[in-house]
């Protein structure tokens, strides 16, 4: 259980670092003159990137699903047909 918690913590830290880098790069290369507008632009780009990543992960999870197997149909007894005429 502690391995799962550690993986969750490390994954969150890496994700946050990636999104902060995206926001910083977008803010740095923004054409806005106002520093507050640059920060807002950077966060906007980071939110769009995180939404795109979430959609891609959701689609890959749907594609990786294993189909449910149908249980075999129950065999019902057929009434015997007599050949009497």
PDB file of N, CA and C in Angstrom:
ATOM      1  N   UNK A   1       0.816  -1.187   0.000  1.00  0.00           N
ATOM      2  CA  UNK A   1       0.000   0.000   0.000  1.00  0.00           C
ATOM      3  C   UNK A   1       0.864   1.256   0.000  1.00  0.00           C
ATOM      4  N   UNK A   2       1.983   1.188   0.657  1.00  0.00           N
ATOM      5  CA  UNK A   2       2.831   2.387   0.707  1.00  0.00           C
ATOM      6  C   UNK A   2       3.455   2.673  -0.664  1.00  0.00           C
ATOM      7  N   UNK A   3       3.639   1.644  -1.479  1.00  0.00           N
ATOM      8  CA  UNK A   3       4.163   1.870  -2.829  1.00  0.00           C
ATOM      9  C   UNK A   3       3.166   2.654  -3.666  1.00  0.00           C
ATOM     10  N   UNK A   4       1.879   2.353  -3.500  1.00  0.00           N
ATOM     11  CA  UNK A   4       0.842   3.089  -4.227  1.00  0.00           C
ATOM     12  C   UNK A   4       0.821   4.546  -3.778  1.00  0.00           C
ATOM     13  N   UNK A   5       0.917   4.783  -2.482  1.00  0.00           N
ATOM     14  CA  UNK A   5       0.927   6.157  -1.975  1.00  0.00           C
ATOM     15  C   UNK A   5       2.151   6.923  -2.457  1.00  0.00           C
ATOM     16  N   UNK A   6       3.294   6.264  -2.479  1.00  0.00           N
ATOM     17  CA  UNK A   6       4.517   6.909  -2.950  1.00  0.00           C
ATOM     18  C   UNK A   6       4.404   7.242  -4.432  1.00  0.00           C
ATOM     19  N   UNK A   7       3.865   6.318  -5.219  1.00  0.00           N
ATOM     20  CA  UNK A   7       3.704   6.568  -6.652  1.00  0.00           C
ATOM     21  C   UNK A   7       2.737   7.724  -6.894  1.00  0.00           C
ATOM     22  N   UNK A   8       1.689   7.810  -6.086  1.00  0.00           N
ATOM     23  CA  UNK A   8       0.730   8.914  -6.218  1.00  0.00           C
ATOM     24  C   UNK A   8       1.401  10.250  -5.890  1.00  0.00           C
ATOM     25  N   UNK A   9       2.206  10.274  -4.836  1.00  0.00           N
ATOM     26  CA  UNK A   9       2.888  11.506  -4.452  1.00  0.00           C
ATOM     27  C   UNK A   9       3.900  11.946  -5.509  1.00  0.00           C
ATOM     28  N   UNK A  10       4.684  10.994  -6.002  1.00  0.00           N
ATOM     29  CA  UNK A  10       5.693  11.321  -7.012  1.00  0.00           C
ATOM     30  C   UNK A  10       5.019  11.746  -8.313  1.00  0.00           C
ATOM     31  N   UNK A  11       3.947  11.048  -8.703  1.00  0.00           N
ATOM     32  CA  UNK A  11       3.223  11.419  -9.919  1.00  0.00           C
ATOM     33  C   UNK A  11       2.629  12.810  -9.821  1.00  0.00           C
ATOM     34  N   UNK A  12       2.073  13.152  -8.662  1.00  0.00           N
ATOM     35  CA  UNK A  12       1.532  14.494  -8.470  1.00  0.00           C
ATOM     36  C   UNK A  12       2.609  15.559  -8.514  1.00  0.00           C
ATOM     37  N   UNK A  13       3.757  15.255  -7.938  1.00  0.00           N
ATOM     38  CA  UNK A  13       4.860  16.228  -7.947  1.00  0.00           C
ATOM     39  C   UNK A  13       5.391  16.448  -9.358  1.00  0.00           C
ATOM     40  N   UNK A  14       5.518  15.368 -10.116  1.00  0.00           N
ATOM     41  CA  UNK A  14       6.003  15.493 -11.496  1.00  0.00           C
ATOM     42  C   UNK A  14       4.973  16.236 -12.350  1.00  0.00           C
ATOM     43  N   UNK A  15       3.698  15.909 -12.165  1.00  0.00           N
ATOM     44  CA  UNK A  15       2.650  16.601 -12.915  1.00  0.00           C
ATOM     45  C   UNK A  15       2.613  18.081 -12.617  1.00  0.00           C
ATOM     46  N   UNK A  16       2.732  18.427 -11.361  1.00  0.00           N
ATOM     47  CA  UNK A  16       2.748  19.836 -10.978  1.00  0.00           C
ATOM     48  C   UNK A  16       3.963  20.544 -11.565  1.00  0.00           C
ATOM     49  N   UNK A  17       5.114  19.887 -11.553  1.00  0.00           N
ATOM     50  CA  UNK A  17       6.320  20.496 -12.112  1.00  0.00           C
ATOM     51  C   UNK A  17       6.174  20.726 -13.615  1.00  0.00           C
ATOM     52  N   UNK A  18       5.577  19.770 -14.318  1.00  0.00           N
ATOM     53  CA  UNK A  18       5.381  19.918 -15.764  1.00  0.00           C
ATOM     54  C   UNK A  18       4.418  21.066 -16.057  1.00  0.00           C
ATOM     55  N   UNK A  19       3.307  21.117 -15.322  1.00  0.00           N
ATOM     56  CA  UNK A  19       2.342  22.195 -15.562  1.00  0.00           C
ATOM     57  C   UNK A  19       2.899  23.565 -15.182  1.00  0.00           C
ATOM     58  N   UNK A  20       3.708  23.628 -14.131  1.00  0.00           N
ATOM     59  CA  UNK A  20       4.341  24.896 -13.766  1.00  0.00           C
ATOM     60  C   UNK A  20       5.339  25.331 -14.831  1.00  0.00           C
ATOM     61  N   UNK A  21       6.049  24.376 -15.420  1.00  0.00           N
ATOM     62  CA  UNK A  21       6.985  24.711 -16.499  1.00  0.00           C
ATOM     63  C   UNK A  21       6.244  25.218 -17.732  1.00  0.00           C
ATOM     64  N   UNK A  22       5.103  24.567 -18.048  1.00  0.00           N
ATOM     65  CA  UNK A  22       4.298  25.015 -19.186  1.00  0.00           C
ATOM     66  C   UNK A  22       3.778  26.434 -18.932  1.00  0.00           C
ATOM     67  N   UNK A  23       3.276  26.685 -17.726  1.00  0.00           N
ATOM     68  CA  UNK A  23       2.754  28.012 -17.395  1.00  0.00           C
ATOM     69  C   UNK A  23       3.855  29.066 -17.451  1.00  0.00           C
ATOM     70  N   UNK A  24       5.020  28.739 -16.938  1.00  0.00           N
ATOM     71  CA  UNK A  24       6.133  29.692 -16.938  1.00  0.00           C
ATOM     72  C   UNK A  24       6.592  29.994 -18.359  1.00  0.00           C
ATOM     73  N   UNK A  25       6.699  28.966 -19.197  1.00  0.00           N
ATOM     74  CA  UNK A  25       7.133  29.176 -20.579  1.00  0.00           C
ATOM     75  C   UNK A  25       6.115  30.013 -21.344  1.00  0.00           C
ATOM     76  N   UNK A  26       4.821  29.713 -21.152  1.00  0.00           N
ATOM     77  CA  UNK A  26       3.782  30.472 -21.845  1.00  0.00           C
ATOM     78  C   UNK A  26       3.750  31.911 -21.361  1.00  0.00           C
ATOM     79  N   UNK A  27       3.962  32.122 -20.067  1.00  0.00           N
ATOM     80  CA  UNK A  27       3.967  33.489 -19.540  1.00  0.00           C
ATOM     81  C   UNK A  27       5.176  34.260 -20.040  1.00  0.00           C
ATOM     82  N   UNK A  28       6.311  33.604 -20.144  1.00  0.00           N
ATOM     83  CA  UNK A  28       7.531  34.264 -20.610  1.00  0.00           C
ATOM     84  C   UNK A  28       7.398  34.691 -22.070  1.00  0.00           C
ATOM     85  N   UNK A  29       6.794  33.830 -22.888  1.00  0.00           N
ATOM     86  CA  UNK A  29       6.683  34.119 -24.321  1.00  0.00           C
ATOM     87  C   UNK A  29       5.378  34.827 -24.677  1.00  0.00           C
ATOM     88  N   UNK A  30       4.642  35.261 -23.683  1.00  0.00           N
ATOM     89  CA  UNK A  30       3.396  35.968 -23.940  1.00  0.00           C
ATOM     90  C   UNK A  30       3.696  37.365 -24.467  1.00  0.00           C
ATOM     91  N   UNK A  31       2.821  37.839 -25.346  1.00  0.00           N
ATOM     92  CA  UNK A  31       3.020  39.165 -25.916  1.00  0.00           C
ATOM     93  C   UNK A  31       2.419  40.274 -25.074  1.00  0.00           C
ATOM     94  N   UNK A  32       1.781  39.909 -23.967  1.00  0.00           N
ATOM     95  CA  UNK A  32       1.154  40.921 -23.122  1.00  0.00           C
ATOM     96  C   UNK A  32       2.231  41.734 -22.396  1.00  0.00           C
ATOM     97  N   UNK A  33       1.956  43.020 -22.208  1.00  0.00           N
ATOM     98  CA  UNK A  33       2.924  43.880 -21.530  1.00  0.00           C
ATOM     99  C   UNK A  33       2.770  43.862 -20.020  1.00  0.00           C
ATOM    100  N   UNK A  34       1.556  43.635 -19.548  1.00  0.00           N
ATOM    101  CA  UNK A  34       1.260  43.643 -18.122  1.00  0.00           C
ATOM    102  C   UNK A  34       1.695  42.310 -17.494  1.00  0.00           C
ATOM    103  N   UNK A  35       2.442  42.333 -16.385  1.00  0.00           N
ATOM    104  CA  UNK A  35       2.860  41.066 -15.756  1.00  0.00           C
ATOM    105  C   UNK A  35       1.685  40.193 -15.309  1.00  0.00           C
ATOM    106  N   UNK A  36       0.603  40.812 -14.844  1.00  0.00           N
ATOM    107  CA  UNK A  36      -0.554  40.017 -14.426  1.00  0.00           C
ATOM    108  C   UNK A  36      -1.183  39.310 -15.622  1.00  0.00           C
ATOM    109  N   UNK A  37      -1.229  39.953 -16.756  1.00  0.00           N
ATOM    110  CA  UNK A  37      -1.780  39.331 -17.963  1.00  0.00           C
ATOM    111  C   UNK A  37      -0.902  38.175 -18.428  1.00  0.00           C
ATOM    112  N   UNK A  38       0.407  38.323 -18.267  1.00  0.00           N
ATOM    113  CA  UNK A  38       1.312  37.228 -18.626  1.00  0.00           C
ATOM    114  C   UNK A  38       1.062  36.009 -17.754  1.00  0.00           C
ATOM    115  N   UNK A  39       0.872  36.228 -16.454  1.00  0.00           N
ATOM    116  CA  UNK A  39       0.622  35.111 -15.538  1.00  0.00           C
ATOM    117  C   UNK A  39      -0.699  34.431 -15.866  1.00  0.00           C
ATOM    118  N   UNK A  40      -1.733  35.238 -16.125  1.00  0.00           N
ATOM    119  CA  UNK A  40      -3.039  34.672 -16.479  1.00  0.00           C
ATOM    120  C   UNK A  40      -2.934  33.864 -17.766  1.00  0.00           C
ATOM    121  N   UNK A  41      -2.203  34.374 -18.733  1.00  0.00           N
ATOM    122  CA  UNK A  41      -2.016  33.651 -19.990  1.00  0.00           C
ATOM    123  C   UNK A  41      -1.293  32.323 -19.748  1.00  0.00           C
ATOM    124  N   UNK A  42      -0.262  32.362 -18.921  1.00  0.00           N
ATOM    125  CA  UNK A  42       0.476  31.137 -18.621  1.00  0.00           C
ATOM    126  C   UNK A  42      -0.388  30.088 -17.945  1.00  0.00           C
ATOM    127  N   UNK A  43      -1.197  30.518 -16.963  1.00  0.00           N
ATOM    128  CA  UNK A  43      -2.091  29.579 -16.292  1.00  0.00           C
ATOM    129  C   UNK A  43      -3.159  29.047 -17.242  1.00  0.00           C
ATOM    130  N   UNK A  44      -3.642  29.895 -18.138  1.00  0.00           N
ATOM    131  CA  UNK A  44      -4.644  29.448 -19.104  1.00  0.00           C
ATOM    132  C   UNK A  44      -4.089  28.353 -19.999  1.00  0.00           C
ATOM    133  N   UNK A  45      -2.891  28.543 -20.470  1.00  0.00           N
ATOM    134  CA  UNK A  45      -2.259  27.527 -21.316  1.00  0.00           C
ATOM    135  C   UNK A  45      -2.024  26.238 -20.525  1.00  0.00           C
ATOM    136  N   UNK A  46      -1.614  26.362 -19.269  1.00  0.00           N
ATOM    137  CA  UNK A  46      -1.382  25.181 -18.432  1.00  0.00           C
ATOM    138  C   UNK A  46      -2.683  24.425 -18.182  1.00  0.00           C
ATOM    139  N   UNK A  47      -3.795  25.147 -17.963  1.00  0.00           N
ATOM    140  CA  UNK A  47      -5.081  24.481 -17.754  1.00  0.00           C
ATOM    141  C   UNK A  47      -5.546  23.770 -19.017  1.00  0.00           C
ATOM    142  N   UNK A  48      -5.339  24.383 -20.165  1.00  0.00           N
ATOM    143  CA  UNK A  48      -5.698  23.731 -21.429  1.00  0.00           C
ATOM    144  C   UNK A  48      -4.842  22.486 -21.631  1.00  0.00           C
ATOM    145  N   UNK A  49      -3.559  22.586 -21.311  1.00  0.00           N
ATOM    146  CA  UNK A  49      -2.678  21.422 -21.448  1.00  0.00           C
ATOM    147  C   UNK A  49      -3.099  20.297 -20.500  1.00  0.00           C
ATOM    148  N   UNK A  50      -3.474  20.640 -19.275  1.00  0.00           N
ATOM    149  CA  UNK A  50      -3.890  19.594 -18.334  1.00  0.00           C
ATOM    150  C   UNK A  50      -5.209  18.962 -18.768  1.00  0.00           C
ATOM    151  N   UNK A  51      -6.113  19.749 -19.349  1.00  0.00           N
ATOM    152  CA  UNK A  51      -7.372  19.189 -19.858  1.00  0.00           C
ATOM    153  C   UNK A  51      -7.097  18.254 -21.031  1.00  0.00           C
ATOM    154  N   UNK A  52      -6.191  18.637 -21.916  1.00  0.00           N
ATOM    155  CA  UNK A  52      -5.847  17.780 -23.053  1.00  0.00           C
ATOM    156  C   UNK A  52      -5.210  16.472 -22.585  1.00  0.00           C
ATOM    157  N   UNK A  53      -4.354  16.559 -21.591  1.00  0.00           N
ATOM    158  CA  UNK A  53      -3.729  15.347 -21.046  1.00  0.00           C
ATOM    159  C   UNK A  53      -4.781  14.449 -20.412  1.00  0.00           C
ATOM    160  N   UNK A  54      -5.736  15.037 -19.692  1.00  0.00           N
ATOM    161  CA  UNK A  54      -6.801  14.245 -19.062  1.00  0.00           C
ATOM    162  C   UNK A  54      -7.669  13.554 -20.103  1.00  0.00           C
ATOM    163  N   UNK A  55      -7.968  14.242 -21.196  1.00  0.00           N
ATOM    164  CA  UNK A  55      -8.760  13.623 -22.266  1.00  0.00           C
ATOM    165  C   UNK A  55      -7.989  12.477 -22.906  1.00  0.00           C
ATOM    166  N   UNK A  56      -6.719  12.679 -23.176  1.00  0.00           N
ATOM    167  CA  UNK A  56      -5.909  11.613 -23.774  1.00  0.00           C
ATOM    168  C   UNK A  56      -5.808  10.395 -22.867  1.00  0.00           C
ATOM    169  N   UNK A  57      -5.638  10.625 -21.581  1.00  0.00           N
ATOM    170  CA  UNK A  57      -5.550   9.512 -20.639  1.00  0.00           C
ATOM    171  C   UNK A  57      -6.884   8.793 -20.551  1.00  0.00           C
ATOM    172  N   UNK A  58      -7.981   9.543 -20.559  1.00  0.00           N
ATOM    173  CA  UNK A  58      -9.305   8.910 -20.506  1.00  0.00           C
ATOM    174  C   UNK A  58      -9.557   8.062 -21.746  1.00  0.00           C
ATOM    175  N   UNK A  59      -9.182   8.577 -22.911  1.00  0.00           N
ATOM    176  CA  UNK A  59      -9.361   7.805 -24.141  1.00  0.00           C
ATOM    177  C   UNK A  59      -8.494   6.553 -24.152  1.00  0.00           C
ATOM    178  N   UNK A  60      -7.276   6.661 -23.645  1.00  0.00           N
ATOM    179  CA  UNK A  60      -6.419   5.480 -23.600  1.00  0.00           C
ATOM    180  C   UNK A  60      -6.936   4.459 -22.597  1.00  0.00           C
ATOM    181  N   UNK A  61      -7.549   4.924 -21.511  1.00  0.00           N
ATOM    182  CA  UNK A  61      -8.137   3.990 -20.545  1.00  0.00           C
ATOM    183  C   UNK A  61      -9.342   3.276 -21.147  1.00  0.00           C
ATOM    184  N   UNK A  62     -10.146   4.002 -21.912  1.00  0.00           N
ATOM    185  CA  UNK A  62     -11.285   3.367 -22.578  1.00  0.00           C
ATOM    186  C   UNK A  62     -10.828   2.360 -23.625  1.00  0.00           C
ATOM    187  N   UNK A  63      -9.754   2.668 -24.327  1.00  0.00           N
ATOM    188  CA  UNK A  63      -9.242   1.766 -25.347  1.00  0.00           C
ATOM    189  C   UNK A  63      -8.607   0.525 -24.733  1.00  0.00           C
ATOM    190  N   UNK A  64      -8.083   0.643 -23.532  1.00  0.00           N
ATOM    191  CA  UNK A  64      -7.395  -0.479 -22.895  1.00  0.00           C
ATOM    192  C   UNK A  64      -8.328  -1.410 -22.140  1.00  0.00           C
ATOM    193  N   UNK A  65      -9.609  -1.047 -22.061  1.00  0.00           N
ATOM    194  CA  UNK A  65     -10.558  -1.903 -21.345  1.00  0.00           C
ATOM    195  C   UNK A  65     -10.656  -3.259 -22.006  1.00  0.00           C
ATOM    196  N   UNK A  66     -10.848  -4.264 -21.199  1.00  0.00           N
ATOM    197  CA  UNK A  66     -11.112  -5.590 -21.740  1.00  0.00           C
ATOM    198  C   UNK A  66     -12.618  -5.765 -21.835  1.00  0.00           C
ATOM    199  N   UNK A  67     -13.091  -6.314 -22.940  1.00  0.00           N
ATOM    200  CA  UNK A  67     -14.533  -6.470 -23.073  1.00  0.00           C
ATOM    201  C   UNK A  67     -15.064  -7.518 -22.095  1.00  0.00           C
ATOM    202  N   UNK A  68     -16.283  -7.278 -21.652  1.00  0.00           N
ATOM    203  CA  UNK A  68     -16.896  -8.240 -20.750  1.00  0.00           C
ATOM    204  C   UNK A  68     -17.278  -9.478 -21.548  1.00  0.00           C
ATOM    205  N   UNK A  69     -16.978 -10.615 -20.983  1.00  0.00           N
ATOM    206  CA  UNK A  69     -17.361 -11.852 -21.662  1.00  0.00           C
ATOM    207  C   UNK A  69     -18.777 -12.214 -21.258  1.00  0.00           C
ATOM    208  N   UNK A  70     -19.528 -12.635 -22.222  1.00  0.00           N
ATOM    209  CA  UNK A  70     -20.900 -13.025 -21.970  1.00  0.00           C
ATOM    210  C   UNK A  70     -20.910 -14.448 -21.417  1.00  0.00           C
ATOM    211  N   UNK A  71     -21.678 -14.675 -20.359  1.00  0.00           N
ATOM    212  CA  UNK A  71     -21.771 -16.041 -19.852  1.00  0.00           C
ATOM    213  C   UNK A  71     -22.541 -16.894 -20.863  1.00  0.00           C
ATOM    214  N   UNK A  72     -22.230 -18.165 -20.923  1.00  0.00           N
ATOM    215  CA  UNK A  72     -22.939 -19.007 -21.882  1.00  0.00           C
ATOM    216  C   UNK A  72     -24.425 -19.049 -21.559  1.00  0.00           C
ATOM    217  N   UNK A  73     -25.218 -19.123 -22.608  1.00  0.00           N
ATOM    218  CA  UNK A  73     -26.668 -19.161 -22.421  1.00  0.00           C
ATOM    219  C   UNK A  73     -27.054 -20.471 -21.746  1.00  0.00           C
ATOM    220  N   UNK A  74     -27.999 -20.414 -20.830  1.00  0.00           N
ATOM    221  CA  UNK A  74     -28.398 -21.653 -20.163  1.00  0.00           C
ATOM    222  C   UNK A  74     -29.092 -22.586 -21.155  1.00  0.00           C
ATOM    223  N   UNK A  75     -28.790 -23.846 -21.005  1.00  0.00           N
ATOM    224  CA  UNK A  75     -29.385 -24.845 -21.876  1.00  0.00           C
ATOM    225  C   UNK A  75     -30.737 -25.218 -21.285  1.00  0.00           C
ATOM    226  N   UNK A  76     -31.772 -25.053 -22.085  1.00  0.00           N
ATOM    227  CA  UNK A  76     -33.106 -25.408 -21.608  1.00  0.00           C
ATOM    228  C   UNK A  76     -33.525 -26.711 -22.267  1.00  0.00           C
ATOM    229  N   UNK A  77     -34.260 -27.482 -21.540  1.00  0.00           N
ATOM    230  CA  UNK A  77     -34.710 -28.777 -22.066  1.00  0.00           C
ATOM    231  C   UNK A  77     -35.797 -28.541 -23.096  1.00  0.00           C
ATOM    232  N   UNK A  78     -35.639 -29.190 -24.242  1.00  0.00           N
ATOM    233  CA  UNK A  78     -36.623 -29.116 -25.303  1.00  0.00           C
ATOM    234  C   UNK A  78     -37.629 -30.233 -25.112  1.00  0.00           C
ATOM    235  N   UNK A  79     -38.905 -29.976 -25.281  1.00  0.00           N
ATOM    236  CA  UNK A  79     -39.852 -31.087 -25.181  1.00  0.00           C
ATOM    237  C   UNK A  79     -39.597 -32.074 -26.320  1.00  0.00           C
ATOM    238  N   UNK A  80     -39.630 -33.337 -25.963  1.00  0.00           N
ATOM    239  CA  UNK A  80     -39.347 -34.353 -26.962  1.00  0.00           C
ATOM    240  C   UNK A  80     -40.495 -34.451 -27.945  1.00  0.00           C
ATOM    241  N   UNK A  81     -40.137 -34.596 -29.186  1.00  0.00           N
ATOM    242  CA  UNK A  81     -41.136 -34.746 -30.227  1.00  0.00           C
ATOM    243  C   UNK A  81     -41.289 -36.228 -30.548  1.00  0.00           C
ATOM    244  N   UNK A  82     -42.474 -36.674 -30.473  1.00  0.00           N
ATOM    245  CA  UNK A  82     -42.673 -38.081 -30.795  1.00  0.00           C
ATOM    246  C   UNK A  82     -42.948 -38.218 -32.272  1.00  0.00           C
ATOM    247  N   UNK A  83     -42.557 -39.326 -32.813  1.00  0.00           N
ATOM    248  CA  UNK A  83     -42.732 -39.594 -34.244  1.00  0.00           C
ATOM    249  C   UNK A  83     -43.976 -40.415 -34.502  1.00  0.00           C
ATOM    250  N   UNK A  84     -44.860 -40.485 -33.537  1.00  0.00           N
ATOM    251  CA  UNK A  84     -46.092 -41.234 -33.731  1.00  0.00           C
ATOM    252  C   UNK A  84     -46.988 -40.513 -34.685  1.00  0.00           C
ATOM    253  N   UNK A  85     -47.662 -41.300 -35.502  1.00  0.00           N
ATOM    254  CA  UNK A  85     -48.547 -40.684 -36.474  1.00  0.00           C
ATOM    255  C   UNK A  85     -49.998 -40.933 -36.134  1.00  0.00           C
TER     256      UNK A  85
END
